[in-house]
C-alpha atoms as a PDB file:
ATOM      1  CA  MET A   1      11.098  -5.522 -11.785  1.00  0.00           C
ATOM      2  CA  ILE A   2       7.956  -6.165 -13.865  1.00  0.00           C
ATOM      3  CA  ARG A   3       4.689  -4.395 -13.121  1.00  0.00           C
ATOM      4  CA  TYR A   4       1.579  -4.307 -15.339  1.00  0.00           C
ATOM      5  CA  ARG A   5      -2.214  -4.285 -15.317  1.00  0.00           C
ATOM      6  CA  PRO A   6      -3.732  -7.580 -16.529  1.00  0.00           C
ATOM      7  CA  ALA A   7      -6.159  -7.839 -19.451  1.00  0.00           C
ATOM      8  CA  PRO A   8      -9.911  -8.466 -19.074  1.00  0.00           C
ATOM      9  CA  PRO A   9     -11.560 -10.169 -17.309  1.00  0.00           C
ATOM     10  CA  LEU A  10      -8.895 -10.163 -14.579  1.00  0.00           C
ATOM     11  CA  ASP A  11      -8.476  -6.388 -14.626  1.00  0.00           C
ATOM     12  CA  ALA A  12     -11.859  -6.081 -12.891  1.00  0.00           C
ATOM     13  CA  VAL A  13     -10.380  -7.819  -9.835  1.00  0.00           C
ATOM     14  CA  ILE A  14      -6.617  -7.253 -10.005  1.00  0.00           C
ATOM     15  CA  ASP A  15      -5.118  -3.777 -10.098  1.00  0.00           C
ATOM     16  CA  CYS A  16      -1.545  -4.915 -10.758  1.00  0.00           C
ATOM     17  CA  ILE A  17       0.568  -8.022 -11.302  1.00  0.00           C
ATOM     18  CA  TRP A  18       4.256  -7.695 -10.485  1.00  0.00           C
ATOM     19  CA  LEU A  19       7.455  -9.727 -10.350  1.00  0.00           C
ATOM     20  CA  ASN A  20      10.702  -8.792  -8.631  1.00  0.00           C
ATOM     21  CA  HIS A  21      14.023 -10.610  -9.062  1.00  0.00           C
ATOM     22  CA  ARG A  22      16.291  -9.570  -6.199  1.00  0.00           C
ATOM     23  CA  ARG A  23      19.883 -10.581  -6.957  1.00  0.00           C
ATOM     24  CA  GLU A  24      21.400  -9.694  -3.582  1.00  0.00           C
ATOM     25  CA  HIS A  25      20.335  -9.810   0.047  1.00  0.00           C
ATOM     26  CA  CYS A  26      18.812  -6.501   1.206  1.00  0.00           C
ATOM     27  CA  PRO A  27      19.468  -5.865   4.929  1.00  0.00           C
ATOM     28  CA  ASN A  28      16.960  -3.035   5.352  1.00  0.00           C
ATOM     29  CA  TRP A  29      13.577  -3.261   7.021  1.00  0.00           C
ATOM     30  CA  GLU A  30      10.513  -1.562   5.607  1.00  0.00           C
ATOM     31  CA  HIS A  31       7.290  -0.237   7.042  1.00  0.00           C
ATOM     32  CA  MET A  32       4.626  -1.520   4.643  1.00  0.00           C
ATOM     33  CA  LEU A  33       2.034   1.234   4.651  1.00  0.00           C
ATOM     34  CA  PRO A  34      -1.734   0.660   4.393  1.00  0.00           C
ATOM     35  CA  SER A  35      -3.467   1.122   1.040  1.00  0.00           C
ATOM     36  CA  GLY A  36      -6.899  -0.427   1.710  1.00  0.00           C
ATOM     37  CA  LYS A  37      -6.061  -3.342  -0.603  1.00  0.00           C
ATOM     38  CA  ALA A  38      -5.310  -7.041  -0.130  1.00  0.00           C
ATOM     39  CA  HIS A  39      -2.148  -8.477  -1.701  1.00  0.00           C
ATOM     40  CA  LEU A  40      -1.049 -11.930  -2.827  1.00  0.00           C
ATOM     41  CA  VAL A  41       2.716 -12.546  -2.629  1.00  0.00           C
ATOM     42  CA  ILE A  42       4.437 -15.779  -3.740  1.00  0.00           C
ATOM     43  CA  ALA A  43       8.159 -16.320  -3.126  1.00  0.00           C
ATOM     44  CA  LEU A  44       9.824 -18.692  -5.589  1.00  0.00           C
ATOM     45  CA  HIS A  45      12.807 -19.348  -3.322  1.00  0.00           C
ATOM     46  CA  ASN A  46      13.186 -21.349  -0.117  1.00  0.00           C
ATOM     47  CA  SER A  47      14.200 -18.585   2.288  1.00  0.00           C
ATOM     48  CA  PRO A  48      11.682 -17.435   4.930  1.00  0.00           C
ATOM     49  CA  ILE A  49      10.390 -13.881   4.701  1.00  0.00           C
ATOM     50  CA  HIS A  50       9.872 -12.111   8.016  1.00  0.00           C
ATOM     51  CA  TRP A  51       7.203  -9.660   9.122  1.00  0.00           C
ATOM     52  CA  ALA A  52       6.130  -8.072  12.409  1.00  0.00           C
ATOM     53  CA  ALA A  53       3.087  -6.264  13.710  1.00  0.00           C
ATOM     54  CA  PRO A  54       3.508  -2.575  14.595  1.00  0.00           C
ATOM     55  CA  GLY A  55       4.635  -1.675  18.074  1.00  0.00           C
ATOM     56  CA  SER A  56       7.659  -0.747  20.147  1.00  0.00           C
ATOM     57  CA  LYS A  57       8.623  -4.407  20.691  1.00  0.00           C
ATOM     58  CA  VAL A  58       9.227  -6.065  17.324  1.00  0.00           C
ATOM     59  CA  GLU A  59       8.324  -9.757  17.381  1.00  0.00           C
ATOM     60  CA  TRP A  60       9.153 -11.433  14.094  1.00  0.00           C
ATOM     61  CA  HIS A  61       6.987 -14.004  12.321  1.00  0.00           C
ATOM     62  CA  SER A  62       7.816 -15.641   9.008  1.00  0.00           C
ATOM     63  CA  TRP A  63       6.241 -17.202   5.941  1.00  0.00           C
ATOM     64  CA  THR A  64       7.467 -19.252   3.002  1.00  0.00           C
ATOM     65  CA  ARG A  65       6.035 -20.088  -0.447  1.00  0.00           C
ATOM     66  CA  GLY A  66       3.155 -17.614  -0.420  1.00  0.00           C
ATOM     67  CA  VAL A  67       0.981 -15.342   1.702  1.00  0.00           C
ATOM     68  CA  ILE A  68      -2.146 -13.212   1.520  1.00  0.00           C
ATOM     69  CA  HIS A  69      -1.650  -9.841   3.194  1.00  0.00           C
ATOM     70  CA  GLY A  70      -5.158  -8.763   4.138  1.00  0.00           C
ATOM     71  CA  PRO A  71      -6.195  -5.091   4.167  1.00  0.00           C
ATOM     72  CA  GLN A  72      -4.103  -3.384   6.833  1.00  0.00           C
ATOM     73  CA  SER A  73      -5.465  -0.778   9.222  1.00  0.00           C
ATOM     74  CA  ARG A  74      -1.942   0.596   9.754  1.00  0.00           C
ATOM     75  CA  TYR A  75       1.626  -0.298   8.820  1.00  0.00           C
ATOM     76  CA  TYR A  76       3.393  -3.585   9.454  1.00  0.00           C
ATOM     77  CA  VAL A  77       7.151  -4.250   9.417  1.00  0.00           C
ATOM     78  CA  ALA A  78       8.814  -6.289   6.662  1.00  0.00           C
ATOM     79  CA  GLY A  79      12.209  -7.736   7.486  1.00  0.00           C
ATOM     80  CA  PRO A  80      15.375  -7.982   5.367  1.00  0.00           C
ATOM     81  CA  LYS A  81      14.773  -9.406   1.890  1.00  0.00           C
ATOM     82  CA  PRO A  82      16.569 -12.564   0.688  1.00  0.00           C
ATOM     83  CA  PRO A  83      17.678 -12.867  -2.945  1.00  0.00           C
ATOM     84  CA  GLY A  84      15.373 -14.627  -5.383  1.00  0.00           C
ATOM     85  CA  VAL A  85      12.186 -14.187  -7.395  1.00  0.00           C
ATOM     86  CA  VAL A  86       8.927 -12.987  -5.833  1.00  0.00           C
ATOM     87  CA  VAL A  87       5.691 -12.575  -7.804  1.00  0.00           C
ATOM     88  CA  GLY A  88       2.436 -11.065  -6.634  1.00  0.00           C
ATOM     89  CA  ALA A  89      -0.894  -9.422  -7.325  1.00  0.00           C
ATOM     90  CA  SER A  90      -2.592  -6.377  -5.844  1.00  0.00           C
ATOM     91  CA  PHE A  91      -6.380  -6.729  -5.593  1.00  0.00           C
ATOM     92  CA  ARG A  92      -8.786  -3.929  -6.345  1.00  0.00           C
ATOM     93  CA  VAL A  93     -10.593  -2.622  -3.278  1.00  0.00           C
ATOM     94  CA  GLY A  94     -13.696  -4.687  -2.571  1.00  0.00           C
ATOM     95  CA  MET A  95     -12.928  -7.345  -5.196  1.00  0.00           C
ATOM     96  CA  ALA A  96     -10.499  -9.739  -3.470  1.00  0.00           C
ATOM     97  CA  ALA A  97     -13.272 -12.021  -2.190  1.00  0.00           C
ATOM     98  CA  ALA A  98     -14.075 -12.930  -5.804  1.00  0.00           C
ATOM     99  CA  VAL A  99     -10.748 -14.814  -5.951  1.00  0.00           C
ATOM    100  CA  LEU A 100      -9.813 -15.550  -2.346  1.00  0.00           C
ATOM    101  CA  ASP A 101     -13.240 -16.990  -1.418  1.00  0.00           C
ATOM    102  CA  ALA A 102     -13.004 -15.349   1.997  1.00  0.00           C
ATOM    103  CA  SER A 103     -14.685 -12.383   3.599  1.00  0.00           C
ATOM    104  CA  LEU A 104     -12.259  -9.468   3.733  1.00  0.00           C
ATOM    105  CA  ASP A 105     -13.170  -8.575   7.312  1.00  0.00           C
ATOM    106  CA  GLU A 106     -11.753 -11.988   8.300  1.00  0.00           C
ATOM    107  CA  LEU A 107      -8.417 -11.033   6.694  1.00  0.00           C
ATOM    108  CA  ARG A 108      -8.046  -7.562   8.177  1.00  0.00           C
ATOM    109  CA  ASP A 109      -4.536  -7.050   9.613  1.00  0.00           C
ATOM    110  CA  ARG A 110      -3.736 -10.725   8.963  1.00  0.00           C
ATOM    111  CA  HIS A 111      -1.023 -12.491   6.940  1.00  0.00           C
ATOM    112  CA  VAL A 112      -2.434 -15.858   5.846  1.00  0.00           C
ATOM    113  CA  SER A 113      -0.372 -18.523   4.076  1.00  0.00           C
ATOM    114  CA  ILE A 114      -1.600 -19.844   0.735  1.00  0.00           C
ATOM    115  CA  GLU A 115      -1.608 -23.339   2.270  1.00  0.00           C
ATOM    116  CA  GLU A 116      -4.034 -22.195   4.980  1.00  0.00           C
ATOM    117  CA  LEU A 117      -6.277 -20.400   2.513  1.00  0.00           C
ATOM    118  CA  TRP A 118      -6.137 -22.736  -0.509  1.00  0.00           C
ATOM    119  CA  GLY A 119      -4.777 -25.989   0.887  1.00  0.00           C
ATOM    120  CA  TYR A 120      -2.987 -28.362  -1.482  1.00  0.00           C
ATOM    121  CA  ARG A 121      -3.880 -26.208  -4.503  1.00  0.00           C
ATOM    122  CA  GLY A 122      -1.869 -23.384  -2.980  1.00  0.00           C
ATOM    123  CA  LEU A 123       1.185 -25.628  -2.799  1.00  0.00           C
ATOM    124  CA  GLN A 124       0.584 -26.798  -6.374  1.00  0.00           C
ATOM    125  CA  LEU A 125       0.474 -23.181  -7.555  1.00  0.00           C
ATOM    126  CA  HIS A 126       3.791 -22.466  -5.858  1.00  0.00           C
ATOM    127  CA  GLU A 127       5.436 -25.536  -7.404  1.00  0.00           C
ATOM    128  CA  ARG A 128       4.100 -24.673 -10.863  1.00  0.00           C
ATOM    129  CA  LEU A 129       5.358 -21.088 -10.733  1.00  0.00           C
ATOM    130  CA  ALA A 130       8.732 -22.137  -9.281  1.00  0.00           C
ATOM    131  CA  SER A 131       9.262 -24.562 -12.178  1.00  0.00           C
ATOM    132  CA  LEU A 132       9.126 -21.749 -14.746  1.00  0.00           C
ATOM    133  CA  GLN A 133      12.180 -19.759 -15.816  1.00  0.00           C
ATOM    134  CA  GLU A 134      10.942 -16.801 -17.879  1.00  0.00           C
ATOM    135  CA  PRO A 135       9.562 -13.880 -15.835  1.00  0.00           C
ATOM    136  CA  MET A 136       6.580 -13.259 -18.128  1.00  0.00           C
ATOM    137  CA  ALA A 137       5.766 -16.989 -18.179  1.00  0.00           C
ATOM    138  CA  ILE A 138       5.562 -16.841 -14.362  1.00  0.00           C
ATOM    139  CA  CYS A 139       3.276 -13.812 -14.504  1.00  0.00           C
ATOM    140  CA  ARG A 140       1.019 -15.367 -17.149  1.00  0.00           C
ATOM    141  CA  ALA A 141       0.753 -18.590 -15.141  1.00  0.00           C
ATOM    142  CA  LEU A 142      -0.292 -16.581 -12.086  1.00  0.00           C
ATOM    143  CA  GLU A 143      -2.864 -14.732 -14.209  1.00  0.00           C
ATOM    144  CA  ALA A 144      -4.305 -18.029 -15.440  1.00  0.00           C
ATOM    145  CA  GLU A 145      -4.641 -19.313 -11.864  1.00  0.00           C
ATOM    146  CA  LEU A 146      -6.383 -16.153 -10.687  1.00  0.00           C
ATOM    147  CA  ILE A 147      -8.796 -16.224 -13.641  1.00  0.00           C
ATOM    148  CA  ALA A 148      -9.610 -19.863 -12.887  1.00  0.00           C
ATOM    149  CA  ARG A 149     -10.371 -18.872  -9.280  1.00  0.00           C
ATOM    150  CA  MET A 150     -12.621 -15.919 -10.155  1.00  0.00           C
ATOM    151  CA  ARG A 151     -16.155 -16.327  -8.850  1.00  0.00           C
ATOM    152  CA  ARG A 152     -18.641 -15.160 -11.468  1.00  0.00           C
ATOM    153  CA  PRO A 153     -20.600 -13.022 -11.873  1.00  0.00           C
ATOM    154  CA  LEU A 154     -18.307 -10.341 -10.437  1.00  0.00           C
ATOM    155  CA  LEU A 155     -20.765  -8.629  -8.149  1.00  0.00           C
ATOM    156  CA  ILE A 156     -20.215  -5.974  -5.515  1.00  0.00           C
ATOM    157  CA  HIS A 157     -23.076  -4.698  -3.384  1.00  0.00           C
ATOM    158  CA  PRO A 158     -24.500  -1.481  -4.907  1.00  0.00           C
ATOM    159  CA  ALA A 159     -24.145   0.404  -1.614  1.00  0.00           C
ATOM    160  CA  VAL A 160     -20.453  -0.544  -1.387  1.00  0.00           C
ATOM    161  CA  ALA A 161     -19.869   0.266  -5.066  1.00  0.00           C
ATOM    162  CA  TYR A 162     -21.463   3.680  -4.513  1.00  0.00           C
ATOM    163  CA  ALA A 163     -19.283   4.316  -1.459  1.00  0.00           C
ATOM    164  CA  LEU A 164     -16.132   3.426  -3.425  1.00  0.00           C
ATOM    165  CA  ARG A 165     -16.784   5.870  -6.259  1.00  0.00           C
ATOM    166  CA  PRO A 166     -13.718   8.141  -6.649  1.00  0.00           C
ATOM    167  CA  ASP A 167     -15.852  11.280  -6.483  1.00  0.00           C
ATOM    168  CA  GLY A 168     -17.252  10.196  -3.109  1.00  0.00           C
ATOM    169  CA  LEU A 169     -14.044   9.541  -1.196  1.00  0.00           C
ATOM    170  CA  GLY A 170     -13.960  13.056   0.247  1.00  0.00           C
ATOM    171  CA  THR A 171     -17.599  12.908   1.397  1.00  0.00           C
ATOM    172  CA  ARG A 172     -18.614  12.324   5.009  1.00  0.00           C
ATOM    173  CA  VAL A 173     -19.443   8.702   5.841  1.00  0.00           C
ATOM    174  CA  ASP A 174     -22.867   9.576   7.261  1.00  0.00           C
ATOM    175  CA  GLN A 175     -23.785  11.403   4.049  1.00  0.00           C
ATOM    176  CA  ILE A 176     -22.810   8.402   1.914  1.00  0.00           C
ATOM    177  CA  GLN A 177     -24.687   6.066   4.253  1.00  0.00           C
ATOM    178  CA  ARG A 178     -27.887   8.108   4.004  1.00  0.00           C
ATOM    179  CA  ARG A 179     -27.671   8.167   0.206  1.00  0.00           C
ATOM    180  CA  THR A 180     -27.459   4.365   0.081  1.00  0.00           C
ATOM    181  CA  GLY A 181     -30.749   4.060   1.952  1.00  0.00           C
ATOM    182  CA  TYR A 182     -29.373   1.645   4.535  1.00  0.00           C
ATOM    183  CA  SER A 183     -29.169   2.061   8.298  1.00  0.00           C
ATOM    184  CA  PRO A 184     -25.727   3.059   9.656  1.00  0.00           C
ATOM    185  CA  ARG A 185     -25.092  -0.386  11.131  1.00  0.00           C
ATOM    186  CA  HIS A 186     -26.175  -2.276   8.001  1.00  0.00           C
ATOM    187  CA  PHE A 187     -24.104  -0.050   5.726  1.00  0.00           C
ATOM    188  CA  ILE A 188     -20.990  -0.438   7.904  1.00  0.00           C
ATOM    189  CA  ASP A 189     -21.443  -4.235   7.982  1.00  0.00           C
ATOM    190  CA  LEU A 190     -21.792  -4.414   4.178  1.00  0.00           C
ATOM    191  CA  PHE A 191     -18.745  -2.226   3.616  1.00  0.00           C
ATOM    192  CA  HIS A 192     -16.600  -3.977   6.240  1.00  0.00           C
ATOM    193  CA  SER A 193     -17.348  -7.430   4.813  1.00  0.00           C
ATOM    194  CA  ALA A 194     -16.459  -6.380   1.240  1.00  0.00           C
ATOM    195  CA  VAL A 195     -13.482  -4.094   1.906  1.00  0.00           C
ATOM    196  CA  GLY A 196     -12.054  -5.366   5.201  1.00  0.00           C
ATOM    197  CA  LEU A 197     -12.049  -1.940   6.850  1.00  0.00           C
ATOM    198  CA  THR A 198     -14.861   0.188   8.218  1.00  0.00           C
ATOM    199  CA  PRO A 199     -15.892   3.078   5.934  1.00  0.00           C
ATOM    200  CA  LYS A 200     -14.428   5.694   8.283  1.00  0.00           C
ATOM    201  CA  HIS A 201     -11.065   3.967   8.531  1.00  0.00           C
ATOM    202  CA  PHE A 202     -10.972   3.202   4.805  1.00  0.00           C
ATOM    203  CA  TYR A 203     -11.438   6.881   3.955  1.00  0.00           C
ATOM    204  CA  ARG A 204      -8.669   7.747   6.419  1.00  0.00           C
ATOM    205  CA  VAL A 205      -6.369   5.297   4.618  1.00  0.00           C
ATOM    206  CA  GLN A 206      -7.309   6.753   1.222  1.00  0.00           C
ATOM    207  CA  ARG A 207      -6.538  10.292   2.395  1.00  0.00           C
ATOM    208  CA  PHE A 208      -3.241   8.996   3.809  1.00  0.00           C
ATOM    209  CA  SER A 209      -2.433   7.290   0.471  1.00  0.00           C
ATOM    210  CA  SER A 210      -3.093  10.540  -1.351  1.00  0.00           C
ATOM    211  CA  ALA A 211      -0.625  12.263   0.964  1.00  0.00           C
ATOM    212  CA  LEU A 212       1.957   9.502   0.392  1.00  0.00           C
ATOM    213  CA  THR A 213       1.820  10.063  -3.367  1.00  0.00           C
ATOM    214  CA  ARG A 214       2.388  13.763  -2.873  1.00  0.00           C
ATOM    215  CA  LEU A 215       5.166  13.218  -0.344  1.00  0.00           C
ATOM    216  CA  ALA A 216       6.998  10.763  -2.603  1.00  0.00           C
ATOM    217  CA  GLN A 217       6.832  13.312  -5.424  1.00  0.00           C
ATOM    218  CA  ARG A 218       7.837  16.105  -3.038  1.00  0.00           C
ATOM    219  CA  GLN A 219      11.174  14.416  -2.407  1.00  0.00           C
ATOM    220  CA  SER A 220      12.114  15.054  -6.026  1.00  0.00           C
ATOM    221  CA  ASP A 221      10.512  18.445  -6.656  1.00  0.00           C
ATOM    222  CA  GLY A 222      10.384  20.060  -3.208  1.00  0.00           C
ATOM    223  CA  GLY A 223       7.373  21.524  -1.410  1.00  0.00           C
ATOM    224  CA  GLY A 224       6.340  21.877   2.232  1.00  0.00           C
ATOM    225  CA  LEU A 225       4.398  19.526   4.507  1.00  0.00           C
ATOM    226  CA  ALA A 226       1.675  22.115   5.027  1.00  0.00           C
ATOM    227  CA  GLU A 227       0.953  22.159   1.286  1.00  0.00           C
ATOM    228  CA  VAL A 228       0.844  18.339   1.191  1.00  0.00           C
ATOM    229  CA  ALA A 229      -1.534  18.238   4.171  1.00  0.00           C
ATOM    230  CA  LEU A 230      -3.891  20.783   2.631  1.00  0.00           C
ATOM    231  CA  ALA A 231      -3.903  19.125  -0.793  1.00  0.00           C
ATOM    232  CA  ALA A 232      -4.670  15.707   0.734  1.00  0.00           C
ATOM    233  CA  GLY A 233      -7.623  17.049   2.715  1.00  0.00           C
ATOM    234  CA  TYR A 234      -6.261  17.334   6.265  1.00  0.00           C
ATOM    235  CA  ALA A 235      -7.471  20.107   8.550  1.00  0.00           C
ATOM    236  CA  ASP A 236      -3.940  21.340   9.207  1.00  0.00           C
ATOM    237  CA  GLN A 237      -0.349  20.139   9.427  1.00  0.00           C
ATOM    238  CA  ALA A 238      -0.761  19.007  13.055  1.00  0.00           C
ATOM    239  CA  HIS A 239      -3.713  16.818  12.085  1.00  0.00           C
ATOM    240  CA  PHE A 240      -1.671  15.408   9.197  1.00  0.00           C
ATOM    241  CA  SER A 241       1.304  14.622  11.433  1.00  0.00           C
ATOM    242  CA  ARG A 242      -0.825  12.790  14.019  1.00  0.00           C
ATOM    243  CA  GLU A 243      -2.534  10.663  11.382  1.00  0.00           C
ATOM    244  CA  PHE A 244       0.752   9.943   9.619  1.00  0.00           C
ATOM    245  CA  ARG A 245       2.482   8.761  12.799  1.00  0.00           C
ATOM    246  CA  GLU A 246      -0.433   6.468  13.634  1.00  0.00           C
ATOM    247  CA  LEU A 247      -0.676   4.881  10.167  1.00  0.00           C
ATOM    248  CA  ALA A 248       3.004   4.886   9.136  1.00  0.00           C
ATOM    249  CA  GLY A 249       4.849   4.624  12.465  1.00  0.00           C
ATOM    250  CA  VAL A 250       7.076   7.614  11.616  1.00  0.00           C
ATOM    251  CA  ALA A 251       6.741  11.370  11.250  1.00  0.00           C
ATOM    252  CA  PRO A 252       6.078  12.749   7.749  1.00  0.00           C
ATOM    253  CA  SER A 253       9.504  14.413   7.781  1.00  0.00           C
ATOM    254  CA  ALA A 254      11.159  10.995   8.335  1.00  0.00           C
ATOM    255  CA  TYR A 255       9.256   9.210   5.553  1.00  0.00           C
ATOM    256  CA  CYS A 256      11.664   7.516   3.105  1.00  0.00           C
ATOM    257  CA  PRO A 257      10.152   5.660   0.106  1.00  0.00           C
ATOM    258  CA  PRO A 258      12.584   3.612  -2.014  1.00  0.00           C
ATOM    259  CA  ALA A 259      11.222   5.203  -5.204  1.00  0.00           C
ATOM    260  CA  VAL A 260       8.575   7.690  -6.334  1.00  0.00           C
ATOM    261  CA  ASN A 261       6.324   4.842  -7.516  1.00  0.00           C
ATOM    262  CA  SER A 262       6.805   2.856  -4.266  1.00  0.00           C
ATOM    263  CA  GLU A 263       5.030   5.297  -1.999  1.00  0.00           C
ATOM    264  CA  HIS A 264       3.538   2.602   0.274  1.00  0.00           C
ATOM    265  CA  HIS A 265       7.018   1.525   1.416  1.00  0.00           C
ATOM    266  CA  HIS A 266       9.077   3.308   4.068  1.00  0.00           C
ATOM    267  CA  VAL A 267      12.701   2.146   4.248  1.00  0.00           C
ATOM    268  CA  VAL A 268      14.257   1.666   7.687  1.00  0.00           C
ATOM    269  CA  SER A 269      18.011   1.122   7.570  1.00  0.00           C
ATOM    270  CA  ALA A 270      19.245  -1.902   9.495  1.00  0.00           C
ATOM    271  CA  SER A 271      21.355  -1.135  12.571  1.00  0.00           C
ATOM    272  CA  GLY A 272      22.919  -3.191  15.302  1.00  0.00           C
ATOM    273  CA  LYS A 273      21.281  -1.023  17.966  1.00  0.00           C
ATOM    274  CA  LYS A 274      17.811  -1.745  16.691  1.00  0.00           C
ATOM    275  CA  ALA A 275      18.499  -5.408  15.994  1.00  0.00           C
ATOM    276  CA  SER A 276      19.629  -5.995  19.595  1.00  0.00           C
ATOM    277  CA  ARG A 277      16.128  -5.152  20.837  1.00  0.00           C
ATOM    278  CA  LEU A 278      14.319  -7.614  18.571  1.00  0.00           C
ATOM    279  CA  VAL A 279      12.556 -10.727  19.712  1.00  0.00           C
ATOM    280  CA  ARG A 280      12.371 -13.290  16.918  1.00  0.00           C
ATOM    281  CA  ARG A 281       9.733 -15.984  16.751  1.00  0.00           C
ATOM    282  CA  ARG A 282       9.397 -18.432  13.862  1.00  0.00           C
ATOM    283  CA  THR A 283       5.826 -19.336  12.894  1.00  0.00           C
END
């Protein structure tokens, strides 16, 4: 596994570039938990990768070559992982449009193939990356493509930039809106277009992400759910549990990240009982 932050100017748009070489088939499912970010994922093997929307009836879809996971309002299900190399990039909140050339509200809760988004150039990118052997050469080639696609100047609306300041994430949405000087509707439209989520839901996801970090750490050093809920800004443990079930699809006590630094993944072990209830559809 390789994970690093790219150098300027790409670091203004991309939070992380990563590459994973899986040597064996992994039969487990995962709940991919919302972070407020968009993600680019390119598989350098020929096996389909399956995903499903949340819900009691799991209906599988699949993609090959590459996909853009838009900002998610809640979890989605990722199927078993085939062996092979996968490379990707995590976009900074509000900056993905500078590379994707698409409004983020159009990508909310969607999983769009690179062919659909970029056409023949998306296929060319996949072929170019798949022809390389060295992991860092693959990552550098992806960096070069993303830099070439950056729309300059890198501008974000001042009202959205103000709302995304780290010291403002615990502030009420109506207070932030009034400080920007825009009407509630105009501010929500600006934010939704840039980020892909409404301000209220984005702040819910950020509070949830803060709790995930604490929960992942808690598994190694102990600590109660009430302390996690309070530290993350929830009113009480009951409030925390309701929000967690809605966004993650499981109770906080059942949350199972694969590693401390993979807090936005919840591992679901494969079982014949669960698999018998699935409905698979290839798209």
